Amino acid sequence: MGTSGNCSSGRFGVLYDHFPMVSSYLATIFCGDVVAQENRATKTQGLTEKLALNKKIDSKGPTKRINHPMYGSRFWFHPAFTAATGALITYLMLSRNLETKLVKQKGYPNAWSLTIHLRFKDTESRREFMKHWAPLARYVRDAEPFCLLFEAIQSDKDPLLLIVDERYIDKNVYVEKHRSSAAFHAFRPYMQNKQDEGKVEVVGESGTGISLDSI
């Protein structure tokens, strides 16, 4: 089915460098036991010699410096660094899972939401609104941790329709904190003027979320 040279160096040579056991098995199937035994003997001897030459362990302290026999790269291992890295990864994973569980499963039983539909007279009025609304949105993002959601949604059916969704942990923080902020007071007069000028029609609905535990 083929010569020893063809099987070891041509067909299975590269594979044997990384997966010697698999290559030996394939060589046994396609080339016979003799070729497989030659491959195993040659590669095992070469790997043993490479290990003896390349593996170096620094006995000073707990740090070990190793030349990997296959890739020839140096790796640094330190128990304290490994432990700290593992602890950090575990903490981040648990924190994320905890936050997701809090929001998705338990949620905020008294979360209060406000949905506003803004229908503009023209595209220029919509563009101008976004410029004035953006500073308020950035302020809410950076300074109002009690706000769970504050975003503008562009309708995919009407280019002149924007939907603004707001959600707070409860209605009290919306009334007492959000509406009393300097950013809100800077934005509100502009919005009222546009309504008075007929540049935008505003329709809003608000309410308290229904907890799954209450159903």
N, C-alpha and C. Protein backbone atom coordinates (compact mmCIF):
# COMPACT_ATOMS: atom_id res chain seq x y z
N MET A 1 0.82 -1.22 0.00
CA MET A 1 0.00 0.00 0.00
C MET A 1 0.84 1.25 0.00
N GLY A 2 2.15 1.10 -0.08
CA GLY A 2 3.00 2.27 -0.08
C GLY A 2 4.28 1.96 0.66
N THR A 3 5.30 2.77 0.45
CA THR A 3 6.59 2.55 1.09
C THR A 3 6.62 3.22 2.44
N SER A 4 7.63 2.86 3.24
CA SER A 4 7.79 3.45 4.56
C SER A 4 8.02 4.94 4.46
N GLY A 5 8.84 5.38 3.49
CA GLY A 5 9.13 6.80 3.34
C GLY A 5 7.89 7.60 3.00
N ASN A 6 7.07 7.07 2.11
CA ASN A 6 5.87 7.79 1.71
C ASN A 6 4.91 7.95 2.86
N CYS A 7 4.78 6.92 3.67
CA CYS A 7 3.80 6.97 4.75
C CYS A 7 4.25 7.88 5.88
N SER A 8 5.53 7.80 6.26
CA SER A 8 5.97 8.55 7.43
C SER A 8 6.20 10.02 7.12
N SER A 9 6.92 10.31 6.04
CA SER A 9 7.28 11.69 5.77
C SER A 9 6.27 12.39 4.89
N GLY A 10 5.61 11.67 4.02
CA GLY A 10 4.68 12.29 3.09
C GLY A 10 3.28 12.40 3.64
N ARG A 11 2.72 11.28 4.04
CA ARG A 11 1.32 11.28 4.41
C ARG A 11 1.08 11.58 5.88
N PHE A 12 1.93 11.00 6.76
CA PHE A 12 1.68 11.11 8.18
C PHE A 12 2.76 11.86 8.95
N GLY A 13 3.80 12.35 8.25
CA GLY A 13 4.93 12.97 8.95
C GLY A 13 4.53 14.20 9.76
N VAL A 14 3.82 15.13 9.12
CA VAL A 14 3.42 16.36 9.82
C VAL A 14 2.45 16.04 10.93
N LEU A 15 1.51 15.12 10.66
CA LEU A 15 0.54 14.74 11.69
C LEU A 15 1.23 14.14 12.89
N TYR A 16 2.30 13.35 12.64
CA TYR A 16 2.98 12.68 13.76
C TYR A 16 3.65 13.68 14.67
N ASP A 17 4.09 14.82 14.11
CA ASP A 17 4.76 15.82 14.94
C ASP A 17 3.87 16.30 16.07
N HIS A 18 2.57 16.33 15.85
CA HIS A 18 1.65 16.87 16.85
C HIS A 18 0.77 15.80 17.48
N PHE A 19 0.46 14.75 16.73
CA PHE A 19 -0.41 13.71 17.25
C PHE A 19 0.20 12.34 16.98
N PRO A 20 1.28 11.97 17.71
CA PRO A 20 2.01 10.73 17.42
C PRO A 20 1.17 9.47 17.54
N MET A 21 0.26 9.43 18.53
CA MET A 21 -0.54 8.22 18.73
C MET A 21 -1.53 8.04 17.59
N VAL A 22 -2.16 9.15 17.17
CA VAL A 22 -3.11 9.08 16.06
C VAL A 22 -2.40 8.67 14.78
N SER A 23 -1.23 9.29 14.55
CA SER A 23 -0.48 8.99 13.34
C SER A 23 -0.05 7.53 13.30
N SER A 24 0.37 7.00 14.45
CA SER A 24 0.78 5.60 14.51
C SER A 24 -0.39 4.69 14.17
N TYR A 25 -1.56 5.05 14.68
CA TYR A 25 -2.75 4.24 14.42
C TYR A 25 -3.08 4.24 12.93
N LEU A 26 -3.03 5.46 12.31
CA LEU A 26 -3.32 5.56 10.88
C LEU A 26 -2.27 4.82 10.05
N ALA A 27 -1.01 4.94 10.49
CA ALA A 27 0.06 4.26 9.75
C ALA A 27 -0.11 2.75 9.82
N THR A 28 -0.59 2.26 10.97
CA THR A 28 -0.82 0.83 11.12
C THR A 28 -1.89 0.36 10.15
N ILE A 29 -2.95 1.18 10.00
CA ILE A 29 -4.05 0.80 9.11
C ILE A 29 -3.63 0.81 7.66
N PHE A 30 -2.96 1.90 7.23
CA PHE A 30 -2.67 2.09 5.81
C PHE A 30 -1.33 1.50 5.37
N CYS A 31 -0.39 1.40 6.29
CA CYS A 31 0.97 1.03 5.88
C CYS A 31 1.48 -0.22 6.57
N GLY A 32 0.79 -0.72 7.52
CA GLY A 32 1.24 -1.95 8.18
C GLY A 32 1.97 -1.67 9.47
N ASP A 33 2.14 -2.73 10.29
CA ASP A 33 2.75 -2.60 11.61
C ASP A 33 4.20 -2.18 11.55
N VAL A 34 4.93 -2.58 10.53
CA VAL A 34 6.36 -2.27 10.46
C VAL A 34 6.58 -0.78 10.38
N VAL A 35 5.85 -0.12 9.49
CA VAL A 35 6.00 1.32 9.33
C VAL A 35 5.60 2.04 10.60
N ALA A 36 4.52 1.59 11.23
CA ALA A 36 4.05 2.23 12.45
C ALA A 36 5.10 2.12 13.55
N GLN A 37 5.71 0.93 13.67
CA GLN A 37 6.73 0.75 14.69
C GLN A 37 7.95 1.63 14.41
N GLU A 38 8.32 1.78 13.14
CA GLU A 38 9.45 2.65 12.80
C GLU A 38 9.13 4.10 13.17
N ASN A 39 7.94 4.51 12.84
CA ASN A 39 7.54 5.87 13.17
C ASN A 39 7.59 6.12 14.67
N ARG A 40 7.03 5.17 15.44
CA ARG A 40 6.99 5.33 16.89
C ARG A 40 8.40 5.39 17.47
N ALA A 41 9.26 4.50 17.03
CA ALA A 41 10.62 4.45 17.56
C ALA A 41 11.36 5.74 17.25
N THR A 42 11.27 6.18 15.98
CA THR A 42 12.00 7.39 15.56
C THR A 42 11.49 8.62 16.30
N LYS A 43 10.19 8.80 16.32
CA LYS A 43 9.62 10.00 16.92
C LYS A 43 9.80 10.00 18.44
N THR A 44 9.66 8.83 19.08
CA THR A 44 9.83 8.76 20.53
C THR A 44 11.25 9.11 20.93
N GLN A 45 12.22 8.59 20.18
CA GLN A 45 13.62 8.89 20.47
C GLN A 45 13.89 10.38 20.28
N GLY A 46 13.36 10.95 19.18
CA GLY A 46 13.58 12.38 18.92
C GLY A 46 12.94 13.25 19.98
N LEU A 47 11.74 12.89 20.42
CA LEU A 47 11.04 13.66 21.44
C LEU A 47 11.76 13.58 22.77
N THR A 48 12.28 12.39 23.10
CA THR A 48 13.01 12.23 24.36
C THR A 48 14.27 13.09 24.37
N GLU A 49 15.00 13.10 23.26
CA GLU A 49 16.21 13.91 23.18
C GLU A 49 15.88 15.40 23.26
N LYS A 50 14.80 15.80 22.62
CA LYS A 50 14.42 17.21 22.63
C LYS A 50 14.00 17.64 24.03
N LEU A 51 13.30 16.76 24.74
CA LEU A 51 12.92 17.05 26.12
C LEU A 51 14.14 17.24 26.99
N ALA A 52 15.13 16.35 26.82
CA ALA A 52 16.33 16.42 27.64
C ALA A 52 17.11 17.69 27.38
N LEU A 53 17.09 18.17 26.12
CA LEU A 53 17.87 19.35 25.77
C LEU A 53 17.14 20.65 26.09
N ASN A 54 15.83 20.69 25.88
CA ASN A 54 15.09 21.95 25.95
C ASN A 54 14.43 22.24 27.28
N LYS A 55 14.08 21.19 28.05
CA LYS A 55 13.36 21.44 29.31
C LYS A 55 14.35 21.90 30.38
N LYS A 56 14.16 23.14 30.82
CA LYS A 56 15.04 23.71 31.84
C LYS A 56 14.19 24.26 32.97
N ILE A 57 14.51 23.87 34.18
CA ILE A 57 13.76 24.33 35.34
C ILE A 57 14.70 25.11 36.24
N ASP A 58 14.34 26.37 36.48
CA ASP A 58 15.12 27.22 37.35
C ASP A 58 14.78 26.89 38.80
N SER A 59 15.77 26.44 39.56
CA SER A 59 15.52 26.00 40.93
C SER A 59 15.43 27.14 41.92
N LYS A 60 15.67 28.39 41.49
CA LYS A 60 15.62 29.53 42.41
C LYS A 60 14.18 29.98 42.59
N GLY A 61 13.59 29.68 43.76
CA GLY A 61 12.23 30.13 44.03
C GLY A 61 11.22 29.24 43.34
N PRO A 62 9.93 29.61 43.48
CA PRO A 62 8.85 28.78 42.94
C PRO A 62 8.64 28.96 41.45
N THR A 63 9.28 29.97 40.82
CA THR A 63 9.07 30.22 39.39
C THR A 63 9.79 29.18 38.55
N LYS A 64 9.09 28.64 37.57
CA LYS A 64 9.67 27.63 36.69
C LYS A 64 9.73 28.16 35.27
N ARG A 65 10.89 28.03 34.65
CA ARG A 65 11.06 28.45 33.27
C ARG A 65 11.20 27.20 32.42
N ILE A 66 10.29 27.02 31.48
CA ILE A 66 10.26 25.79 30.69
C ILE A 66 10.31 26.12 29.21
N ASN A 67 11.18 25.42 28.47
CA ASN A 67 11.16 25.47 27.02
C ASN A 67 10.29 24.32 26.54
N HIS A 68 9.16 24.66 25.94
CA HIS A 68 8.25 23.63 25.49
C HIS A 68 8.90 22.81 24.38
N PRO A 69 8.89 21.46 24.49
CA PRO A 69 9.60 20.62 23.51
C PRO A 69 9.00 20.67 22.12
N MET A 70 7.70 20.97 22.00
CA MET A 70 7.06 20.97 20.69
C MET A 70 7.15 22.32 20.01
N TYR A 71 6.84 23.39 20.76
CA TYR A 71 6.75 24.72 20.16
C TYR A 71 8.01 25.56 20.37
N GLY A 72 8.87 25.17 21.31
CA GLY A 72 10.10 25.89 21.53
C GLY A 72 9.90 27.25 22.14
N SER A 73 8.73 27.53 22.75
CA SER A 73 8.44 28.83 23.36
C SER A 73 8.62 28.74 24.86
N ARG A 74 8.94 29.88 25.46
CA ARG A 74 9.12 29.89 26.90
C ARG A 74 7.82 30.26 27.60
N PHE A 75 7.52 29.55 28.64
CA PHE A 75 6.34 29.83 29.42
C PHE A 75 6.77 30.09 30.86
N TRP A 76 6.18 31.06 31.49
CA TRP A 76 6.48 31.38 32.88
C TRP A 76 5.29 31.00 33.74
N PHE A 77 5.55 30.22 34.77
CA PHE A 77 4.50 29.78 35.66
C PHE A 77 4.85 30.22 37.09
N HIS A 78 3.89 30.85 37.76
CA HIS A 78 4.08 31.24 39.15
C HIS A 78 2.79 30.94 39.91
N PRO A 79 2.85 30.19 40.99
CA PRO A 79 1.62 29.80 41.71
C PRO A 79 0.76 30.98 42.11
N ALA A 80 1.40 32.06 42.61
CA ALA A 80 0.62 33.22 43.05
C ALA A 80 -0.10 33.89 41.89
N PHE A 81 0.61 34.02 40.75
CA PHE A 81 -0.01 34.64 39.57
C PHE A 81 -1.15 33.79 39.05
N THR A 82 -0.94 32.47 39.01
CA THR A 82 -1.98 31.57 38.53
C THR A 82 -3.22 31.64 39.42
N ALA A 83 -3.00 31.65 40.75
CA ALA A 83 -4.12 31.71 41.69
C ALA A 83 -4.88 33.02 41.56
N ALA A 84 -4.15 34.13 41.43
CA ALA A 84 -4.79 35.43 41.32
C ALA A 84 -5.61 35.53 40.04
N THR A 85 -5.06 35.02 38.93
CA THR A 85 -5.78 35.05 37.66
C THR A 85 -7.05 34.22 37.74
N GLY A 86 -6.96 33.05 38.33
CA GLY A 86 -8.14 32.20 38.47
C GLY A 86 -9.21 32.84 39.33
N ALA A 87 -8.77 33.48 40.43
CA ALA A 87 -9.73 34.15 41.31
C ALA A 87 -10.43 35.30 40.61
N LEU A 88 -9.68 36.06 39.81
CA LEU A 88 -10.27 37.19 39.09
C LEU A 88 -11.30 36.71 38.07
N ILE A 89 -10.96 35.69 37.31
CA ILE A 89 -11.89 35.16 36.31
C ILE A 89 -13.16 34.64 36.98
N THR A 90 -12.99 33.92 38.10
CA THR A 90 -14.15 33.40 38.83
C THR A 90 -15.04 34.52 39.33
N TYR A 91 -14.41 35.58 39.87
CA TYR A 91 -15.17 36.72 40.38
C TYR A 91 -15.98 37.39 39.28
N LEU A 92 -15.35 37.60 38.11
CA LEU A 92 -16.05 38.26 37.01
C LEU A 92 -17.21 37.41 36.51
N MET A 93 -17.01 36.12 36.43
CA MET A 93 -18.08 35.24 35.95
C MET A 93 -19.24 35.22 36.94
N LEU A 94 -18.93 35.13 38.24
CA LEU A 94 -19.99 35.10 39.24
C LEU A 94 -20.73 36.42 39.29
N SER A 95 -20.00 37.55 39.16
CA SER A 95 -20.64 38.86 39.20
C SER A 95 -21.61 39.02 38.05
N ARG A 96 -21.17 38.60 36.87
CA ARG A 96 -22.04 38.72 35.69
C ARG A 96 -23.27 37.83 35.82
N ASN A 97 -23.06 36.61 36.30
CA ASN A 97 -24.20 35.70 36.47
C ASN A 97 -25.17 36.23 37.51
N LEU A 98 -24.61 36.83 38.59
CA LEU A 98 -25.46 37.35 39.66
C LEU A 98 -26.30 38.51 39.16
N GLU A 99 -25.66 39.40 38.38
CA GLU A 99 -26.38 40.56 37.84
C GLU A 99 -27.46 40.11 36.87
N THR A 100 -27.14 39.15 36.00
CA THR A 100 -28.13 38.66 35.05
C THR A 100 -29.30 38.00 35.77
N LYS A 101 -28.98 37.24 36.80
CA LYS A 101 -30.03 36.57 37.55
C LYS A 101 -30.94 37.57 38.24
N LEU A 102 -30.35 38.63 38.79
CA LEU A 102 -31.13 39.64 39.49
C LEU A 102 -32.10 40.33 38.55
N VAL A 103 -31.61 40.68 37.35
CA VAL A 103 -32.44 41.44 36.41
C VAL A 103 -33.48 40.54 35.74
N LYS A 104 -33.05 39.35 35.28
CA LYS A 104 -33.95 38.53 34.48
C LYS A 104 -34.91 37.71 35.32
N GLN A 105 -34.45 37.18 36.46
CA GLN A 105 -35.30 36.30 37.23
C GLN A 105 -36.10 37.05 38.30
N LYS A 106 -35.41 37.83 39.11
CA LYS A 106 -36.10 38.55 40.18
C LYS A 106 -36.59 39.91 39.68
N GLY A 107 -35.77 40.56 38.87
CA GLY A 107 -36.15 41.85 38.33
C GLY A 107 -36.32 42.90 39.41
N TYR A 108 -37.03 43.95 39.08
CA TYR A 108 -37.37 45.01 40.02
C TYR A 108 -38.89 45.03 40.11
N PRO A 109 -39.47 44.51 41.19
CA PRO A 109 -40.92 44.38 41.29
C PRO A 109 -41.68 45.70 41.08
N ASN A 110 -41.06 46.81 41.49
CA ASN A 110 -41.74 48.10 41.39
C ASN A 110 -41.18 48.97 40.27
N ALA A 111 -40.49 48.36 39.32
CA ALA A 111 -39.91 49.14 38.23
C ALA A 111 -41.02 49.90 37.49
N TRP A 112 -40.71 51.16 37.22
CA TRP A 112 -41.69 52.05 36.59
C TRP A 112 -41.18 52.44 35.21
N SER A 113 -42.03 52.33 34.20
CA SER A 113 -41.62 52.57 32.82
C SER A 113 -42.44 53.69 32.19
N LEU A 114 -41.78 54.38 31.27
CA LEU A 114 -42.41 55.46 30.52
C LEU A 114 -42.06 55.27 29.05
N THR A 115 -43.08 55.18 28.21
CA THR A 115 -42.88 55.03 26.78
C THR A 115 -43.51 56.22 26.07
N ILE A 116 -42.72 56.91 25.27
CA ILE A 116 -43.17 58.14 24.60
C ILE A 116 -43.02 57.98 23.10
N HIS A 117 -44.08 58.25 22.36
CA HIS A 117 -44.04 58.26 20.90
C HIS A 117 -43.94 59.71 20.43
N LEU A 118 -42.91 59.98 19.65
CA LEU A 118 -42.69 61.33 19.13
C LEU A 118 -42.82 61.30 17.61
N ARG A 119 -43.84 61.95 17.09
CA ARG A 119 -44.02 62.00 15.64
C ARG A 119 -43.69 63.41 15.15
N PHE A 120 -42.62 63.52 14.37
CA PHE A 120 -42.11 64.83 13.95
C PHE A 120 -42.75 65.28 12.64
N LYS A 121 -42.75 66.57 12.47
CA LYS A 121 -43.33 67.15 11.25
C LYS A 121 -42.44 66.92 10.05
N ASP A 122 -41.12 66.93 10.26
CA ASP A 122 -40.18 66.73 9.16
C ASP A 122 -38.87 66.16 9.71
N THR A 123 -37.99 65.77 8.81
CA THR A 123 -36.73 65.15 9.22
C THR A 123 -35.82 66.13 9.94
N GLU A 124 -35.88 67.40 9.60
CA GLU A 124 -35.05 68.38 10.27
C GLU A 124 -35.44 68.52 11.73
N SER A 125 -36.72 68.48 12.02
CA SER A 125 -37.18 68.56 13.42
C SER A 125 -36.71 67.33 14.20
N ARG A 126 -36.75 66.18 13.57
CA ARG A 126 -36.27 64.96 14.23
C ARG A 126 -34.78 65.05 14.51
N ARG A 127 -34.00 65.51 13.53
CA ARG A 127 -32.55 65.64 13.69
C ARG A 127 -32.22 66.65 14.80
N GLU A 128 -32.93 67.73 14.87
CA GLU A 128 -32.69 68.73 15.90
C GLU A 128 -33.03 68.20 17.29
N PHE A 129 -34.11 67.43 17.37
CA PHE A 129 -34.48 66.82 18.65
C PHE A 129 -33.36 65.92 19.17
N MET A 130 -32.79 65.09 18.31
CA MET A 130 -31.75 64.17 18.74
C MET A 130 -30.53 64.91 19.29
N LYS A 131 -30.20 66.06 18.70
CA LYS A 131 -29.06 66.84 19.18
C LYS A 131 -29.31 67.37 20.58
N HIS A 132 -30.55 67.74 20.89
CA HIS A 132 -30.88 68.25 22.23
C HIS A 132 -31.12 67.12 23.23
N TRP A 133 -31.56 65.99 22.74
CA TRP A 133 -31.85 64.86 23.63
C TRP A 133 -30.57 64.13 24.05
N ALA A 134 -29.55 64.13 23.21
CA ALA A 134 -28.32 63.39 23.48
C ALA A 134 -27.64 63.80 24.79
N PRO A 135 -27.50 65.10 25.11
CA PRO A 135 -26.87 65.46 26.39
C PRO A 135 -27.64 64.93 27.60
N LEU A 136 -28.97 64.94 27.52
CA LEU A 136 -29.77 64.38 28.61
C LEU A 136 -29.53 62.88 28.74
N ALA A 137 -29.49 62.19 27.61
CA ALA A 137 -29.27 60.74 27.63
C ALA A 137 -27.90 60.40 28.21
N ARG A 138 -26.88 61.17 27.87
CA ARG A 138 -25.54 60.92 28.42
C ARG A 138 -25.50 61.17 29.93
N TYR A 139 -26.21 62.21 30.36
CA TYR A 139 -26.26 62.49 31.79
C TYR A 139 -26.93 61.33 32.54
N VAL A 140 -28.04 60.86 32.01
CA VAL A 140 -28.75 59.74 32.64
C VAL A 140 -27.85 58.52 32.71
N ARG A 141 -27.15 58.23 31.63
CA ARG A 141 -26.25 57.08 31.59
C ARG A 141 -25.15 57.17 32.64
N ASP A 142 -24.59 58.36 32.82
CA ASP A 142 -23.42 58.53 33.68
C ASP A 142 -23.77 58.85 35.14
N ALA A 143 -24.92 59.46 35.38
CA ALA A 143 -25.19 60.00 36.73
C ALA A 143 -26.46 59.48 37.38
N GLU A 144 -27.20 58.61 36.70
CA GLU A 144 -28.45 58.12 37.29
C GLU A 144 -28.46 56.59 37.32
N PRO A 145 -27.81 55.98 38.30
CA PRO A 145 -27.77 54.52 38.37
C PRO A 145 -29.13 53.90 38.63
N PHE A 146 -30.08 54.69 39.11
CA PHE A 146 -31.43 54.19 39.37
C PHE A 146 -32.25 54.06 38.09
N CYS A 147 -31.72 54.55 36.97
CA CYS A 147 -32.39 54.42 35.68
C CYS A 147 -31.95 53.13 35.02
N LEU A 148 -32.88 52.24 34.72
CA LEU A 148 -32.57 50.94 34.15
C LEU A 148 -32.53 50.97 32.63
N LEU A 149 -33.22 51.90 32.02
CA LEU A 149 -33.27 51.98 30.57
C LEU A 149 -33.59 53.41 30.15
N PHE A 150 -32.85 53.90 29.16
CA PHE A 150 -33.11 55.24 28.63
C PHE A 150 -32.59 55.25 27.20
N GLU A 151 -33.49 55.06 26.25
CA GLU A 151 -33.04 54.94 24.87
C GLU A 151 -34.11 55.45 23.90
N ALA A 152 -33.63 55.90 22.74
CA ALA A 152 -34.50 56.31 21.66
C ALA A 152 -34.51 55.22 20.60
N ILE A 153 -35.68 54.88 20.10
CA ILE A 153 -35.83 53.81 19.12
C ILE A 153 -36.41 54.40 17.84
N GLN A 154 -35.73 54.16 16.74
CA GLN A 154 -36.22 54.62 15.45
C GLN A 154 -37.21 53.61 14.89
N SER A 155 -38.40 54.04 14.59
CA SER A 155 -39.40 53.16 14.00
C SER A 155 -38.90 52.65 12.65
N ASP A 156 -39.11 51.37 12.38
CA ASP A 156 -38.71 50.81 11.09
C ASP A 156 -39.83 50.92 10.06
N LYS A 157 -40.95 51.58 10.44
CA LYS A 157 -42.05 51.79 9.51
C LYS A 157 -42.24 53.25 9.14
N ASP A 158 -41.88 54.13 10.07
CA ASP A 158 -42.10 55.56 9.85
C ASP A 158 -40.82 56.32 10.21
N PRO A 159 -40.14 56.93 9.25
CA PRO A 159 -38.88 57.64 9.53
C PRO A 159 -39.06 58.87 10.41
N LEU A 160 -40.29 59.34 10.56
CA LEU A 160 -40.55 60.53 11.39
C LEU A 160 -41.03 60.16 12.79
N LEU A 161 -41.02 58.88 13.12
CA LEU A 161 -41.49 58.42 14.43
C LEU A 161 -40.33 57.90 15.26
N LEU A 162 -40.15 58.49 16.45
CA LEU A 162 -39.20 58.02 17.44
C LEU A 162 -39.95 57.53 18.66
N ILE A 163 -39.45 56.48 19.25
CA ILE A 163 -40.02 55.95 20.49
C ILE A 163 -38.95 56.03 21.56
N VAL A 164 -39.25 56.74 22.63
CA VAL A 164 -38.30 56.87 23.74
C VAL A 164 -38.79 55.99 24.89
N ASP A 165 -37.95 55.05 25.29
CA ASP A 165 -38.26 54.14 26.40
C ASP A 165 -37.42 54.51 27.61
N GLU A 166 -38.09 54.67 28.75
CA GLU A 166 -37.41 54.96 30.01
C GLU A 166 -37.90 53.99 31.07
N ARG A 167 -36.99 53.52 31.90
CA ARG A 167 -37.37 52.62 32.99
C ARG A 167 -36.55 52.95 34.22
N TYR A 168 -37.23 53.04 35.35
CA TYR A 168 -36.59 53.40 36.63
C TYR A 168 -36.96 52.36 37.67
N ILE A 169 -36.17 52.29 38.73
CA ILE A 169 -36.43 51.27 39.75
C ILE A 169 -37.79 51.49 40.42
N ASP A 170 -38.26 52.73 40.46
CA ASP A 170 -39.62 53.02 40.88
C ASP A 170 -39.99 54.44 40.42
N LYS A 171 -41.25 54.79 40.57
CA LYS A 171 -41.71 56.08 40.08
C LYS A 171 -41.15 57.24 40.90
N ASN A 172 -40.89 57.00 42.18
CA ASN A 172 -40.41 58.08 43.06
C ASN A 172 -39.07 58.64 42.58
N VAL A 173 -38.15 57.79 42.16
CA VAL A 173 -36.85 58.30 41.73
C VAL A 173 -36.99 59.09 40.43
N TYR A 174 -37.96 58.71 39.60
CA TYR A 174 -38.20 59.48 38.38
C TYR A 174 -38.68 60.89 38.73
N VAL A 175 -39.64 60.98 39.64
CA VAL A 175 -40.21 62.28 39.99
C VAL A 175 -39.25 63.12 40.81
N GLU A 176 -38.63 62.51 41.81
CA GLU A 176 -37.83 63.28 42.77
C GLU A 176 -36.39 63.52 42.31
N LYS A 177 -35.84 62.61 41.52
CA LYS A 177 -34.43 62.75 41.14
C LYS A 177 -34.26 63.08 39.65
N HIS A 178 -34.85 62.27 38.79
CA HIS A 178 -34.65 62.51 37.35
C HIS A 178 -35.22 63.86 36.91
N ARG A 179 -36.46 64.14 37.28
CA ARG A 179 -37.10 65.38 36.84
C ARG A 179 -36.54 66.62 37.53
N SER A 180 -35.80 66.42 38.60
CA SER A 180 -35.21 67.57 39.29
C SER A 180 -33.76 67.83 38.88
N SER A 181 -33.24 67.03 37.97
CA SER A 181 -31.84 67.19 37.57
C SER A 181 -31.68 68.41 36.65
N ALA A 182 -30.46 68.95 36.64
CA ALA A 182 -30.17 70.12 35.80
C ALA A 182 -30.30 69.75 34.32
N ALA A 183 -29.92 68.54 33.96
CA ALA A 183 -30.01 68.11 32.57
C ALA A 183 -31.45 68.06 32.09
N PHE A 184 -32.34 67.60 32.95
CA PHE A 184 -33.75 67.54 32.58
C PHE A 184 -34.32 68.95 32.42
N HIS A 185 -33.98 69.85 33.34
CA HIS A 185 -34.49 71.22 33.27
C HIS A 185 -33.94 71.97 32.06
N ALA A 186 -32.77 71.58 31.59
CA ALA A 186 -32.21 72.21 30.39
C ALA A 186 -32.92 71.71 29.13
N PHE A 187 -33.38 70.45 29.15
CA PHE A 187 -34.01 69.87 27.97
C PHE A 187 -35.50 70.17 27.89
N ARG A 188 -36.18 70.22 29.00
CA ARG A 188 -37.65 70.31 29.01
C ARG A 188 -38.20 71.56 28.30
N PRO A 189 -37.66 72.77 28.50
CA PRO A 189 -38.19 73.95 27.79
C PRO A 189 -38.10 73.83 26.27
N TYR A 190 -37.00 73.26 25.78
CA TYR A 190 -36.86 73.06 24.33
C TYR A 190 -37.98 72.17 23.82
N MET A 191 -38.23 71.06 24.56
CA MET A 191 -39.26 70.12 24.13
C MET A 191 -40.64 70.76 24.14
N GLN A 192 -40.91 71.55 25.15
CA GLN A 192 -42.21 72.22 25.23
C GLN A 192 -42.40 73.21 24.09
N ASN A 193 -41.35 73.93 23.72
CA ASN A 193 -41.42 74.88 22.61
C ASN A 193 -41.73 74.18 21.29
N LYS A 194 -41.12 73.03 21.06
CA LYS A 194 -41.35 72.30 19.81
C LYS A 194 -42.79 71.79 19.73
N GLN A 195 -43.32 71.41 20.88
CA GLN A 195 -44.72 70.99 20.91
C GLN A 195 -45.64 72.18 20.61
N ASP A 196 -45.35 73.32 21.20
CA ASP A 196 -46.17 74.52 20.98
C ASP A 196 -46.10 74.98 19.53
N GLU A 197 -44.95 74.77 18.89
CA GLU A 197 -44.78 75.18 17.49
C GLU A 197 -45.37 74.17 16.51
N GLY A 198 -45.81 73.04 17.00
CA GLY A 198 -46.37 72.02 16.13
C GLY A 198 -45.33 71.20 15.39
N LYS A 199 -44.08 71.24 15.85
CA LYS A 199 -43.01 70.48 15.19
C LYS A 199 -43.03 69.00 15.56
N VAL A 200 -43.69 68.66 16.68
CA VAL A 200 -43.73 67.27 17.12
C VAL A 200 -45.01 67.02 17.91
N GLU A 201 -45.57 65.84 17.71
CA GLU A 201 -46.72 65.38 18.48
C GLU A 201 -46.23 64.33 19.47
N VAL A 202 -46.66 64.45 20.71
CA VAL A 202 -46.18 63.56 21.77
C VAL A 202 -47.33 62.77 22.36
N VAL A 203 -47.17 61.45 22.40
CA VAL A 203 -48.13 60.56 23.05
C VAL A 203 -47.35 59.64 23.98
N GLY A 204 -47.69 59.60 25.25
CA GLY A 204 -46.95 58.79 26.20
C GLY A 204 -47.82 57.91 27.06
N GLU A 205 -47.26 56.82 27.50
CA GLU A 205 -47.91 55.91 28.44
C GLU A 205 -46.89 55.51 29.50
N SER A 206 -47.36 55.29 30.71
CA SER A 206 -46.46 54.89 31.80
C SER A 206 -47.15 53.86 32.67
N GLY A 207 -46.34 53.13 33.42
CA GLY A 207 -46.91 52.13 34.32
C GLY A 207 -45.84 51.35 35.05
N THR A 208 -46.30 50.52 35.99
CA THR A 208 -45.41 49.71 36.82
C THR A 208 -45.33 48.30 36.26
N GLY A 209 -44.13 47.77 36.23
CA GLY A 209 -43.94 46.42 35.70
C GLY A 209 -44.61 45.36 36.55
N ILE A 210 -45.01 44.28 35.90
CA ILE A 210 -45.66 43.16 36.58
C ILE A 210 -44.62 42.08 36.87
N SER A 211 -44.38 41.80 38.12
CA SER A 211 -43.39 40.79 38.50
C SER A 211 -43.92 39.39 38.20
N LEU A 212 -43.05 38.52 37.72
CA LEU A 212 -43.47 37.14 37.46
C LEU A 212 -43.88 36.43 38.74
N ASP A 213 -43.31 36.84 39.88
CA ASP A 213 -43.64 36.21 41.14
C ASP A 213 -45.08 36.48 41.55
N SER A 214 -45.68 37.53 40.99
CA SER A 214 -47.05 37.88 41.37
C SER A 214 -48.09 37.22 40.49
N ILE A 215 -47.64 36.47 39.47
CA ILE A 215 -48.59 35.85 38.55
C ILE A 215 -48.88 34.42 38.98
